[in-house]
Amino acid sequence: MADQQPTAVVIDAHVMQFLADSRRAAADGLTWAEFGGLMTALCRLCIETLDRVKTLSGPEKKAIALVAVAALFDAVAGKCVPLAAWPAWALLRPALRAFVLALASGAIESMIPMVRSST
């Protein structure tokens, strides 16, 4: 499969499996450092998978990766928040989500050369 371009179904399956694994890992709670590790691993997975797609432009690939990171945030970021902090989380969540997506955007740009040189 290394020479074949992944299809949207294959890409979606990879991301959905990653999200399912992340939900299981976060079942008993998660630290923000662990969330950062998950985000980095997901960005790497997206770069490795989407880099083989020749029919999409770079910005389109990045947008798909950011949608995946947003799905990760929505799925598990709440597990990083102690129960007592949930009232503040309700207020801060939208801003923190935007911040995480901005971080992921920069991380993707920084990781592309490293991922390409290692594959």
C-alpha atoms as a PDB file:
ATOM      1  CA  MET A   1       0.000   0.000   0.000  1.00  0.00           C
ATOM      2  CA  ALA A   2       3.011   2.303   0.268  1.00  0.00           C
ATOM      3  CA  ASP A   3       2.749   3.210  -3.422  1.00  0.00           C
ATOM      4  CA  GLN A   4      -1.013   3.602  -3.438  1.00  0.00           C
ATOM      5  CA  GLN A   5      -2.747   6.816  -2.530  1.00  0.00           C
ATOM      6  CA  PRO A   6      -4.957   6.486   0.533  1.00  0.00           C
ATOM      7  CA  THR A   7      -8.619   7.153  -0.096  1.00  0.00           C
ATOM      8  CA  ALA A   8     -10.860   9.350   2.026  1.00  0.00           C
ATOM      9  CA  VAL A   9     -12.274   6.183   3.583  1.00  0.00           C
ATOM     10  CA  VAL A  10      -8.793   4.954   4.567  1.00  0.00           C
ATOM     11  CA  ILE A  11      -7.809   8.341   5.997  1.00  0.00           C
ATOM     12  CA  ASP A  12     -11.072   8.563   7.924  1.00  0.00           C
ATOM     13  CA  ALA A  13     -10.600   5.027   9.259  1.00  0.00           C
ATOM     14  CA  HIS A  14      -7.088   5.867  10.514  1.00  0.00           C
ATOM     15  CA  VAL A  15      -8.320   8.998  12.295  1.00  0.00           C
ATOM     16  CA  MET A  16     -11.400   7.280  13.740  1.00  0.00           C
ATOM     17  CA  GLN A  17      -9.258   4.447  15.098  1.00  0.00           C
ATOM     18  CA  PHE A  18      -6.853   6.968  16.623  1.00  0.00           C
ATOM     19  CA  LEU A  19      -9.758   8.818  18.266  1.00  0.00           C
ATOM     20  CA  ALA A  20     -11.213   5.576  19.631  1.00  0.00           C
ATOM     21  CA  ASP A  21      -7.819   4.619  21.072  1.00  0.00           C
ATOM     22  CA  SER A  22      -7.481   8.105  22.563  1.00  0.00           C
ATOM     23  CA  ARG A  23     -10.900   7.892  24.217  1.00  0.00           C
ATOM     24  CA  ARG A  24      -9.914   4.578  25.800  1.00  0.00           C
ATOM     25  CA  ALA A  25      -6.593   6.020  26.985  1.00  0.00           C
ATOM     26  CA  ALA A  26      -8.392   9.030  28.495  1.00  0.00           C
ATOM     27  CA  ALA A  27     -11.129   7.036  30.230  1.00  0.00           C
ATOM     28  CA  ASP A  28      -9.603   7.576  33.683  1.00  0.00           C
ATOM     29  CA  GLY A  29      -8.432  11.100  33.017  1.00  0.00           C
ATOM     30  CA  LEU A  30      -5.658  12.759  31.098  1.00  0.00           C
ATOM     31  CA  THR A  31      -3.020  15.397  31.757  1.00  0.00           C
ATOM     32  CA  TRP A  32      -2.479  18.273  29.378  1.00  0.00           C
ATOM     33  CA  ALA A  33       0.972  16.841  28.636  1.00  0.00           C
ATOM     34  CA  GLU A  34      -0.649  13.547  27.622  1.00  0.00           C
ATOM     35  CA  PHE A  35      -3.119  15.468  25.467  1.00  0.00           C
ATOM     36  CA  GLY A  36      -0.174  17.212  23.808  1.00  0.00           C
ATOM     37  CA  GLY A  37       1.381  13.823  23.088  1.00  0.00           C
ATOM     38  CA  LEU A  38      -1.856  12.598  21.540  1.00  0.00           C
ATOM     39  CA  MET A  39      -2.117  15.752  19.435  1.00  0.00           C
ATOM     40  CA  THR A  40       1.455  15.361  18.210  1.00  0.00           C
ATOM     41  CA  ALA A  41       0.890  11.695  17.348  1.00  0.00           C
ATOM     42  CA  LEU A  42      -2.316  12.556  15.479  1.00  0.00           C
ATOM     43  CA  CYS A  43      -0.576  15.324  13.527  1.00  0.00           C
ATOM     44  CA  ARG A  44       2.164  12.871  12.579  1.00  0.00           C
ATOM     45  CA  LEU A  45      -0.411  10.273  11.498  1.00  0.00           C
ATOM     46  CA  CYS A  46      -2.201  12.856   9.355  1.00  0.00           C
ATOM     47  CA  ILE A  47       1.046  14.060   7.767  1.00  0.00           C
ATOM     48  CA  GLU A  48       2.185  10.512   6.977  1.00  0.00           C
ATOM     49  CA  THR A  49      -1.185   9.550   5.513  1.00  0.00           C
ATOM     50  CA  LEU A  50      -2.044  12.760   3.674  1.00  0.00           C
ATOM     51  CA  ASP A  51       1.450  13.193   2.237  1.00  0.00           C
ATOM     52  CA  ARG A  52       0.718  10.279  -0.104  1.00  0.00           C
ATOM     53  CA  VAL A  53      -2.439  11.949  -1.469  1.00  0.00           C
ATOM     54  CA  LYS A  54      -1.567  13.664  -4.734  1.00  0.00           C
ATOM     55  CA  THR A  55      -5.021  15.067  -5.508  1.00  0.00           C
ATOM     56  CA  LEU A  56      -5.086  17.577  -2.623  1.00  0.00           C
ATOM     57  CA  SER A  57      -3.096  20.753  -2.181  1.00  0.00           C
ATOM     58  CA  GLY A  58      -0.982  21.424   0.901  1.00  0.00           C
ATOM     59  CA  PRO A  59      -3.530  23.800   2.456  1.00  0.00           C
ATOM     60  CA  GLU A  60      -6.315  21.252   1.883  1.00  0.00           C
ATOM     61  CA  LYS A  61      -4.260  18.551   3.600  1.00  0.00           C
ATOM     62  CA  LYS A  62      -3.537  20.867   6.508  1.00  0.00           C
ATOM     63  CA  ALA A  63      -7.233  21.689   6.837  1.00  0.00           C
ATOM     64  CA  ILE A  64      -8.064  17.977   7.036  1.00  0.00           C
ATOM     65  CA  ALA A  65      -5.406  17.484   9.726  1.00  0.00           C
ATOM     66  CA  LEU A  66      -6.797  20.409  11.718  1.00  0.00           C
ATOM     67  CA  VAL A  67     -10.297  18.928  11.540  1.00  0.00           C
ATOM     68  CA  ALA A  68      -8.828  15.744  13.016  1.00  0.00           C
ATOM     69  CA  VAL A  69      -7.147  17.714  15.828  1.00  0.00           C
ATOM     70  CA  ALA A  70     -10.431  19.518  16.529  1.00  0.00           C
ATOM     71  CA  ALA A  71     -12.149  16.126  16.775  1.00  0.00           C
ATOM     72  CA  LEU A  72      -9.451  14.965  19.213  1.00  0.00           C
ATOM     73  CA  PHE A  73      -9.959  18.081  21.325  1.00  0.00           C
ATOM     74  CA  ASP A  74     -13.724  17.577  21.347  1.00  0.00           C
ATOM     75  CA  ALA A  75     -13.331  13.897  22.229  1.00  0.00           C
ATOM     76  CA  VAL A  76     -10.828  13.997  25.084  1.00  0.00           C
ATOM     77  CA  ALA A  77      -9.788  17.496  26.217  1.00  0.00           C
ATOM     78  CA  GLY A  78     -12.501  17.539  28.865  1.00  0.00           C
ATOM     79  CA  LYS A  79     -10.758  14.583  30.522  1.00  0.00           C
ATOM     80  CA  CYS A  80      -7.850  16.930  31.335  1.00  0.00           C
ATOM     81  CA  VAL A  81     -10.052  19.158  33.473  1.00  0.00           C
ATOM     82  CA  PRO A  82     -10.654  18.383  37.149  1.00  0.00           C
ATOM     83  CA  LEU A  83     -14.308  18.179  38.117  1.00  0.00           C
ATOM     84  CA  ALA A  84     -14.047  21.261  40.336  1.00  0.00           C
ATOM     85  CA  ALA A  85     -12.850  23.327  37.376  1.00  0.00           C
ATOM     86  CA  TRP A  86     -15.761  22.463  35.060  1.00  0.00           C
ATOM     87  CA  PRO A  87     -17.528  25.825  35.556  1.00  0.00           C
ATOM     88  CA  ALA A  88     -14.383  27.611  34.355  1.00  0.00           C
ATOM     89  CA  TRP A  89     -13.913  24.994  31.602  1.00  0.00           C
ATOM     90  CA  ALA A  90     -17.348  25.837  30.223  1.00  0.00           C
ATOM     91  CA  LEU A  91     -16.237  29.446  29.796  1.00  0.00           C
ATOM     92  CA  LEU A  92     -12.677  28.812  28.630  1.00  0.00           C
ATOM     93  CA  ARG A  93     -13.249  25.835  26.327  1.00  0.00           C
ATOM     94  CA  PRO A  94     -13.914  27.784  23.087  1.00  0.00           C
ATOM     95  CA  ALA A  95     -10.824  29.966  23.529  1.00  0.00           C
ATOM     96  CA  LEU A  96      -8.664  27.006  24.507  1.00  0.00           C
ATOM     97  CA  ARG A  97      -9.930  25.031  21.497  1.00  0.00           C
ATOM     98  CA  ALA A  98      -8.908  27.891  19.185  1.00  0.00           C
ATOM     99  CA  PHE A  99      -5.524  28.067  20.924  1.00  0.00           C
ATOM    100  CA  VAL A 100      -4.953  24.312  20.531  1.00  0.00           C
ATOM    101  CA  LEU A 101      -5.840  24.506  16.831  1.00  0.00           C
ATOM    102  CA  ALA A 102      -3.381  27.391  16.376  1.00  0.00           C
ATOM    103  CA  LEU A 103      -0.689  25.324  18.106  1.00  0.00           C
ATOM    104  CA  ALA A 104      -1.519  22.334  15.919  1.00  0.00           C
ATOM    105  CA  SER A 105      -1.312  24.476  12.795  1.00  0.00           C
ATOM    106  CA  GLY A 106       2.222  25.534  13.671  1.00  0.00           C
ATOM    107  CA  ALA A 107       3.148  22.020  14.782  1.00  0.00           C
ATOM    108  CA  ILE A 108       2.037  20.585  11.452  1.00  0.00           C
ATOM    109  CA  GLU A 109       4.213  23.056   9.549  1.00  0.00           C
ATOM    110  CA  SER A 110       7.185  22.255  11.791  1.00  0.00           C
ATOM    111  CA  MET A 111       6.687  18.496  11.640  1.00  0.00           C
ATOM    112  CA  ILE A 112       6.361  18.087   7.865  1.00  0.00           C
ATOM    113  CA  PRO A 113      10.126  18.089   7.119  1.00  0.00           C
ATOM    114  CA  MET A 114      10.849  15.783  10.069  1.00  0.00           C
ATOM    115  CA  VAL A 115       8.122  13.299   9.111  1.00  0.00           C
ATOM    116  CA  ARG A 116       9.152  13.298   5.471  1.00  0.00           C
ATOM    117  CA  SER A 117      12.785  12.657   6.312  1.00  0.00           C
ATOM    118  CA  SER A 118      11.888   9.748   8.599  1.00  0.00           C
ATOM    119  CA  THR A 119       9.595   7.944   6.156  1.00  0.00           C
END
